Every structure is written in structure tokens, then in C-alpha cells.
N, C-alpha and C. Protein backbone atom coordinates (compact mmCIF):
# COMPACT_ATOMS: atom_id res chain seq x y z
N MET A 1 -5.79 24.75 22.29
CA MET A 1 -4.46 24.17 22.20
C MET A 1 -4.48 22.68 22.58
N ALA A 2 -5.23 22.32 23.61
CA ALA A 2 -5.30 20.93 24.03
C ALA A 2 -5.93 20.07 22.94
N ARG A 3 -6.90 20.63 22.24
CA ARG A 3 -7.54 19.88 21.17
C ARG A 3 -6.56 19.57 20.05
N ARG A 4 -5.71 20.51 19.75
CA ARG A 4 -4.72 20.33 18.70
C ARG A 4 -3.73 19.23 19.05
N ARG A 5 -3.30 19.16 20.30
CA ARG A 5 -2.38 18.10 20.73
C ARG A 5 -3.02 16.73 20.67
N ALA A 6 -4.29 16.65 20.99
CA ALA A 6 -4.99 15.36 20.99
C ALA A 6 -5.05 14.78 19.58
N ALA A 7 -5.08 15.64 18.58
CA ALA A 7 -5.18 15.18 17.19
C ALA A 7 -3.82 14.77 16.62
N ARG A 8 -2.76 15.11 17.32
CA ARG A 8 -1.43 14.78 16.85
C ARG A 8 -1.13 13.30 16.96
N LYS A 9 -0.34 12.81 16.04
CA LYS A 9 0.07 11.42 16.05
C LYS A 9 1.28 11.25 16.95
N SER A 10 1.39 10.05 17.49
CA SER A 10 2.60 9.74 18.23
C SER A 10 3.72 9.45 17.22
N GLU A 11 4.94 9.51 17.69
CA GLU A 11 6.07 9.21 16.82
C GLU A 11 6.02 7.77 16.32
N THR A 12 5.55 6.87 17.17
CA THR A 12 5.43 5.46 16.78
C THR A 12 4.42 5.28 15.66
N GLU A 13 3.30 5.95 15.77
CA GLU A 13 2.27 5.87 14.72
C GLU A 13 2.79 6.42 13.40
N ALA A 14 3.47 7.56 13.44
CA ALA A 14 4.03 8.14 12.22
C ALA A 14 5.10 7.22 11.63
N ARG A 15 5.87 6.56 12.48
CA ARG A 15 6.91 5.64 12.00
C ARG A 15 6.28 4.45 11.28
N VAL A 16 5.18 3.94 11.81
CA VAL A 16 4.49 2.81 11.17
C VAL A 16 3.98 3.22 9.79
N GLU A 17 3.45 4.42 9.68
CA GLU A 17 2.96 4.90 8.38
C GLU A 17 4.10 5.07 7.39
N ARG A 18 5.22 5.60 7.84
CA ARG A 18 6.37 5.73 6.93
C ARG A 18 6.91 4.36 6.52
N ALA A 19 6.88 3.41 7.42
CA ALA A 19 7.31 2.05 7.09
C ALA A 19 6.38 1.44 6.05
N THR A 20 5.09 1.73 6.15
CA THR A 20 4.11 1.25 5.17
C THR A 20 4.45 1.79 3.78
N TRP A 21 4.73 3.08 3.72
CA TRP A 21 5.08 3.69 2.44
C TRP A 21 6.35 3.07 1.88
N ALA A 22 7.34 2.86 2.75
CA ALA A 22 8.60 2.27 2.31
C ALA A 22 8.39 0.86 1.77
N LEU A 23 7.53 0.09 2.42
CA LEU A 23 7.25 -1.27 1.95
C LEU A 23 6.55 -1.25 0.59
N LEU A 24 5.67 -0.29 0.37
CA LEU A 24 5.01 -0.17 -0.93
C LEU A 24 6.05 0.09 -2.03
N VAL A 25 6.95 1.00 -1.76
CA VAL A 25 8.00 1.31 -2.74
C VAL A 25 8.90 0.10 -2.94
N LEU A 26 9.21 -0.62 -1.85
CA LEU A 26 10.06 -1.79 -1.94
C LEU A 26 9.42 -2.90 -2.78
N ALA A 27 8.12 -3.11 -2.62
CA ALA A 27 7.43 -4.14 -3.42
C ALA A 27 7.54 -3.82 -4.91
N PHE A 28 7.35 -2.56 -5.26
CA PHE A 28 7.48 -2.16 -6.65
C PHE A 28 8.93 -2.30 -7.12
N ALA A 29 9.88 -1.92 -6.27
CA ALA A 29 11.29 -1.99 -6.64
C ALA A 29 11.73 -3.44 -6.85
N ILE A 30 11.27 -4.35 -6.00
CA ILE A 30 11.62 -5.76 -6.16
C ILE A 30 11.14 -6.28 -7.50
N PHE A 31 9.93 -5.91 -7.87
CA PHE A 31 9.39 -6.35 -9.16
C PHE A 31 10.25 -5.80 -10.30
N GLN A 32 10.64 -4.54 -10.19
CA GLN A 32 11.45 -3.94 -11.26
C GLN A 32 12.87 -4.52 -11.30
N LEU A 33 13.43 -4.83 -10.15
CA LEU A 33 14.79 -5.37 -10.11
C LEU A 33 14.87 -6.80 -10.66
N THR A 34 13.76 -7.51 -10.61
CA THR A 34 13.75 -8.88 -11.15
C THR A 34 13.42 -8.89 -12.63
N ASP A 35 13.20 -7.72 -13.20
CA ASP A 35 12.86 -7.61 -14.62
C ASP A 35 14.11 -7.85 -15.47
N ARG A 36 14.03 -8.86 -16.30
CA ARG A 36 15.15 -9.17 -17.19
C ARG A 36 14.66 -9.16 -18.63
N GLN A 37 15.22 -8.26 -19.39
CA GLN A 37 14.88 -8.13 -20.80
C GLN A 37 13.38 -7.96 -21.02
N GLY A 38 12.76 -7.17 -20.19
CA GLY A 38 11.34 -6.87 -20.35
C GLY A 38 10.40 -7.92 -19.79
N THR A 39 10.92 -9.00 -19.22
CA THR A 39 10.09 -10.05 -18.66
C THR A 39 10.52 -10.30 -17.22
N SER A 40 9.65 -10.01 -16.28
CA SER A 40 9.97 -10.22 -14.87
C SER A 40 9.91 -11.70 -14.54
N THR A 41 10.75 -12.11 -13.61
CA THR A 41 10.73 -13.49 -13.16
C THR A 41 9.62 -13.71 -12.14
N LEU A 42 9.02 -12.65 -11.65
CA LEU A 42 7.89 -12.75 -10.72
C LEU A 42 6.58 -12.73 -11.50
N PRO A 43 5.54 -13.37 -10.97
CA PRO A 43 4.25 -13.36 -11.67
C PRO A 43 3.61 -11.97 -11.64
N ASN A 44 2.69 -11.74 -12.56
CA ASN A 44 2.02 -10.44 -12.66
C ASN A 44 1.25 -10.06 -11.40
N TRP A 45 0.83 -11.05 -10.65
CA TRP A 45 0.03 -10.75 -9.46
C TRP A 45 0.87 -10.38 -8.26
N PHE A 46 2.19 -10.41 -8.36
CA PHE A 46 3.05 -10.15 -7.21
C PHE A 46 2.82 -8.76 -6.60
N VAL A 47 2.85 -7.73 -7.42
CA VAL A 47 2.73 -6.37 -6.89
C VAL A 47 1.33 -6.13 -6.29
N PRO A 48 0.22 -6.51 -6.95
CA PRO A 48 -1.08 -6.33 -6.30
C PRO A 48 -1.23 -7.10 -4.99
N VAL A 49 -0.72 -8.33 -4.94
CA VAL A 49 -0.81 -9.12 -3.70
C VAL A 49 0.03 -8.46 -2.61
N ALA A 50 1.24 -8.05 -2.96
CA ALA A 50 2.11 -7.39 -1.98
C ALA A 50 1.47 -6.09 -1.50
N GLY A 51 0.92 -5.31 -2.42
CA GLY A 51 0.27 -4.05 -2.04
C GLY A 51 -0.92 -4.27 -1.13
N ALA A 52 -1.75 -5.25 -1.44
CA ALA A 52 -2.91 -5.56 -0.60
C ALA A 52 -2.46 -6.01 0.78
N ALA A 53 -1.45 -6.87 0.85
CA ALA A 53 -0.96 -7.36 2.14
C ALA A 53 -0.37 -6.22 2.96
N ILE A 54 0.39 -5.36 2.33
CA ILE A 54 1.02 -4.25 3.04
C ILE A 54 -0.03 -3.26 3.55
N LEU A 55 -0.94 -2.84 2.67
CA LEU A 55 -1.94 -1.83 3.07
C LEU A 55 -2.93 -2.37 4.09
N LEU A 56 -3.49 -3.53 3.83
CA LEU A 56 -4.47 -4.09 4.77
C LEU A 56 -3.80 -4.53 6.07
N GLY A 57 -2.58 -5.05 5.97
CA GLY A 57 -1.84 -5.42 7.17
C GLY A 57 -1.53 -4.21 8.03
N SER A 58 -1.11 -3.13 7.40
CA SER A 58 -0.83 -1.89 8.13
C SER A 58 -2.10 -1.33 8.76
N ALA A 59 -3.19 -1.35 8.01
CA ALA A 59 -4.46 -0.83 8.53
C ALA A 59 -4.91 -1.64 9.74
N MET A 60 -4.82 -2.96 9.66
CA MET A 60 -5.23 -3.80 10.79
C MET A 60 -4.29 -3.61 11.99
N PHE A 61 -3.00 -3.46 11.73
CA PHE A 61 -2.03 -3.22 12.80
C PHE A 61 -2.36 -1.92 13.52
N GLN A 62 -2.62 -0.86 12.76
CA GLN A 62 -2.94 0.43 13.36
C GLN A 62 -4.29 0.39 14.09
N TYR A 63 -5.25 -0.25 13.49
CA TYR A 63 -6.58 -0.34 14.09
C TYR A 63 -6.53 -1.12 15.41
N ALA A 64 -5.72 -2.18 15.46
CA ALA A 64 -5.59 -2.98 16.67
C ALA A 64 -4.99 -2.17 17.82
N ARG A 65 -4.23 -1.15 17.48
CA ARG A 65 -3.64 -0.28 18.51
C ARG A 65 -4.49 0.95 18.77
N ARG A 66 -5.67 0.96 18.20
CA ARG A 66 -6.64 2.05 18.37
C ARG A 66 -6.13 3.39 17.84
N TRP A 67 -5.30 3.29 16.79
CA TRP A 67 -4.85 4.49 16.10
C TRP A 67 -5.84 4.78 14.98
N ARG A 68 -5.88 6.01 14.56
CA ARG A 68 -6.76 6.37 13.45
C ARG A 68 -6.18 5.82 12.16
N VAL A 69 -7.02 5.17 11.38
CA VAL A 69 -6.62 4.64 10.08
C VAL A 69 -7.44 5.36 9.02
N SER A 70 -6.77 5.95 8.08
CA SER A 70 -7.44 6.69 7.02
C SER A 70 -8.28 5.75 6.16
N PRO A 71 -9.44 6.20 5.74
CA PRO A 71 -10.25 5.38 4.82
C PRO A 71 -9.51 5.08 3.51
N ILE A 72 -8.60 5.95 3.10
CA ILE A 72 -7.87 5.70 1.85
C ILE A 72 -7.00 4.45 1.98
N THR A 73 -6.51 4.15 3.17
CA THR A 73 -5.71 2.94 3.37
C THR A 73 -6.57 1.70 3.18
N TRP A 74 -7.75 1.70 3.81
CA TRP A 74 -8.67 0.56 3.65
C TRP A 74 -9.11 0.42 2.20
N LEU A 75 -9.47 1.54 1.58
CA LEU A 75 -9.96 1.54 0.19
C LEU A 75 -8.87 1.06 -0.77
N ALA A 76 -7.68 1.61 -0.63
CA ALA A 76 -6.58 1.21 -1.52
C ALA A 76 -6.21 -0.25 -1.31
N GLY A 77 -6.23 -0.71 -0.07
CA GLY A 77 -5.97 -2.12 0.20
C GLY A 77 -7.01 -3.02 -0.44
N GLY A 78 -8.26 -2.61 -0.39
CA GLY A 78 -9.33 -3.38 -1.03
C GLY A 78 -9.20 -3.39 -2.53
N VAL A 79 -8.83 -2.25 -3.10
CA VAL A 79 -8.62 -2.18 -4.56
C VAL A 79 -7.47 -3.09 -4.97
N MET A 80 -6.40 -3.06 -4.20
CA MET A 80 -5.26 -3.91 -4.51
C MET A 80 -5.63 -5.40 -4.38
N LEU A 81 -6.45 -5.73 -3.39
CA LEU A 81 -6.91 -7.11 -3.23
C LEU A 81 -7.75 -7.53 -4.44
N PHE A 82 -8.62 -6.64 -4.90
CA PHE A 82 -9.41 -6.92 -6.09
C PHE A 82 -8.51 -7.16 -7.30
N PHE A 83 -7.50 -6.29 -7.49
CA PHE A 83 -6.56 -6.46 -8.60
C PHE A 83 -5.82 -7.79 -8.49
N ALA A 84 -5.43 -8.14 -7.28
CA ALA A 84 -4.70 -9.39 -7.08
C ALA A 84 -5.56 -10.58 -7.44
N LEU A 85 -6.79 -10.60 -6.94
CA LEU A 85 -7.69 -11.73 -7.24
C LEU A 85 -8.02 -11.79 -8.73
N TYR A 86 -8.20 -10.64 -9.35
CA TYR A 86 -8.46 -10.60 -10.79
C TYR A 86 -7.27 -11.17 -11.55
N SER A 87 -6.08 -10.76 -11.15
CA SER A 87 -4.87 -11.21 -11.84
C SER A 87 -4.61 -12.70 -11.63
N ILE A 88 -5.01 -13.22 -10.49
CA ILE A 88 -4.77 -14.65 -10.21
C ILE A 88 -5.82 -15.53 -10.87
N TYR A 89 -7.10 -15.17 -10.71
CA TYR A 89 -8.18 -16.07 -11.12
C TYR A 89 -8.82 -15.76 -12.47
N VAL A 90 -8.87 -14.51 -12.86
CA VAL A 90 -9.59 -14.16 -14.09
C VAL A 90 -8.65 -14.09 -15.29
N ASN A 91 -7.61 -13.30 -15.17
CA ASN A 91 -6.71 -13.11 -16.32
C ASN A 91 -5.26 -13.02 -15.83
N PRO A 92 -4.60 -14.15 -15.68
CA PRO A 92 -3.21 -14.15 -15.19
C PRO A 92 -2.23 -13.42 -16.10
N ALA A 93 -2.58 -13.23 -17.36
CA ALA A 93 -1.68 -12.57 -18.30
C ALA A 93 -1.73 -11.05 -18.19
N THR A 94 -2.72 -10.51 -17.50
CA THR A 94 -2.85 -9.06 -17.40
C THR A 94 -1.74 -8.47 -16.54
N ASN A 95 -1.23 -7.33 -16.97
CA ASN A 95 -0.17 -6.65 -16.23
C ASN A 95 -0.78 -5.45 -15.51
N LEU A 96 -0.88 -5.55 -14.20
CA LEU A 96 -1.48 -4.48 -13.41
C LEU A 96 -0.43 -3.64 -12.70
N LEU A 97 0.78 -3.67 -13.20
CA LEU A 97 1.87 -2.93 -12.58
C LEU A 97 1.63 -1.42 -12.58
N GLY A 98 1.20 -0.89 -13.70
CA GLY A 98 0.95 0.55 -13.79
C GLY A 98 -0.16 1.01 -12.88
N VAL A 99 -1.25 0.26 -12.85
CA VAL A 99 -2.39 0.62 -11.98
C VAL A 99 -1.98 0.49 -10.52
N SER A 100 -1.22 -0.54 -10.21
CA SER A 100 -0.76 -0.73 -8.83
C SER A 100 0.14 0.43 -8.41
N LEU A 101 1.04 0.83 -9.29
CA LEU A 101 1.92 1.96 -9.00
C LEU A 101 1.09 3.22 -8.76
N LEU A 102 0.06 3.43 -9.56
CA LEU A 102 -0.81 4.59 -9.38
C LEU A 102 -1.49 4.57 -8.01
N VAL A 103 -1.96 3.41 -7.58
CA VAL A 103 -2.58 3.29 -6.26
C VAL A 103 -1.56 3.60 -5.17
N PHE A 104 -0.34 3.10 -5.31
CA PHE A 104 0.71 3.38 -4.33
C PHE A 104 0.99 4.88 -4.24
N VAL A 105 1.08 5.53 -5.39
CA VAL A 105 1.35 6.97 -5.43
C VAL A 105 0.22 7.74 -4.75
N VAL A 106 -1.03 7.35 -5.03
CA VAL A 106 -2.17 8.03 -4.42
C VAL A 106 -2.12 7.90 -2.90
N VAL A 107 -1.83 6.72 -2.39
CA VAL A 107 -1.76 6.50 -0.94
C VAL A 107 -0.66 7.36 -0.33
N ILE A 108 0.51 7.36 -0.93
CA ILE A 108 1.63 8.12 -0.37
C ILE A 108 1.38 9.62 -0.45
N VAL A 109 0.92 10.11 -1.59
CA VAL A 109 0.65 11.55 -1.74
C VAL A 109 -0.47 11.99 -0.80
N PHE A 110 -1.54 11.19 -0.70
CA PHE A 110 -2.62 11.51 0.22
C PHE A 110 -2.10 11.58 1.65
N GLY A 111 -1.25 10.63 2.01
CA GLY A 111 -0.67 10.62 3.36
C GLY A 111 0.19 11.83 3.62
N LEU A 112 0.97 12.23 2.64
CA LEU A 112 1.82 13.41 2.82
C LEU A 112 1.00 14.70 2.92
N LEU A 113 -0.05 14.80 2.12
CA LEU A 113 -0.86 16.02 2.13
C LEU A 113 -1.75 16.14 3.36
N THR A 114 -2.29 15.03 3.82
CA THR A 114 -3.23 15.08 4.95
C THR A 114 -2.62 14.65 6.27
N ASN A 115 -1.40 14.12 6.23
CA ASN A 115 -0.71 13.61 7.41
C ASN A 115 -1.43 12.44 8.04
N GLU A 116 -2.10 11.64 7.21
CA GLU A 116 -2.72 10.41 7.70
C GLU A 116 -2.89 9.40 6.58
N THR A 117 -2.55 8.17 6.88
CA THR A 117 -2.80 7.04 5.98
C THR A 117 -2.95 5.80 6.81
């Protein structure tokens, strides 16, 4: 029984993870809300940059507090950073919105199923 309690997250840790998920959804929503007639006023790299900042920022915040950070958070943040750099430096015309949304969904679903992100 004591071992089971030790593995439990604090309410603060769980709140930070839920805030991370909410920020991911918000970044996608902002991009969609600025969409006018099929053309967003934000650049294509906005969602990947926001996703990388949110995921890696959350991972570093949790790590600094010595909380467990899921490898999927680090991995997804790295993937989003790669997408952002690709979109900025290699092909600014590429639209990575769908792939970014897929990464966000994977992070959130993984977190819900395993209770860690």
C-alpha cells in the first residue's frame, strides 16, 4: 500500500499536466480562430513553435521540481521543435497543422491512458 501511494502524483503536479494539455488545445484554437477565408493571419510555424515551447517548457518545469516527466513529453516536444525549425528555415510554405494536431492528440491521449505526461 505504501508503494502505491509513493507512485501517486500530487494535486499540483496533476494540475500542471492538465494546464499543459489546455495550452496545447489553446494554441491550436488560436490558429483556427485567426483563420479567415482559409488563410490564417498567423504564420505556418506558429503551432509547431507554440507546441514545442509548451511541451518542452512544461517538461523542464516539472523536471526542475523533481517530478516525473514522461518520455513522450520530451519526445513530442522535440518533434514539435523539429517541425518548427523545418517550417521556419527549410520550407516556410509547408502547413504542419495536421501533423501538429496529431502530436497534440497523442500527448493528451497518452497522458489520459497512463496518467503521466
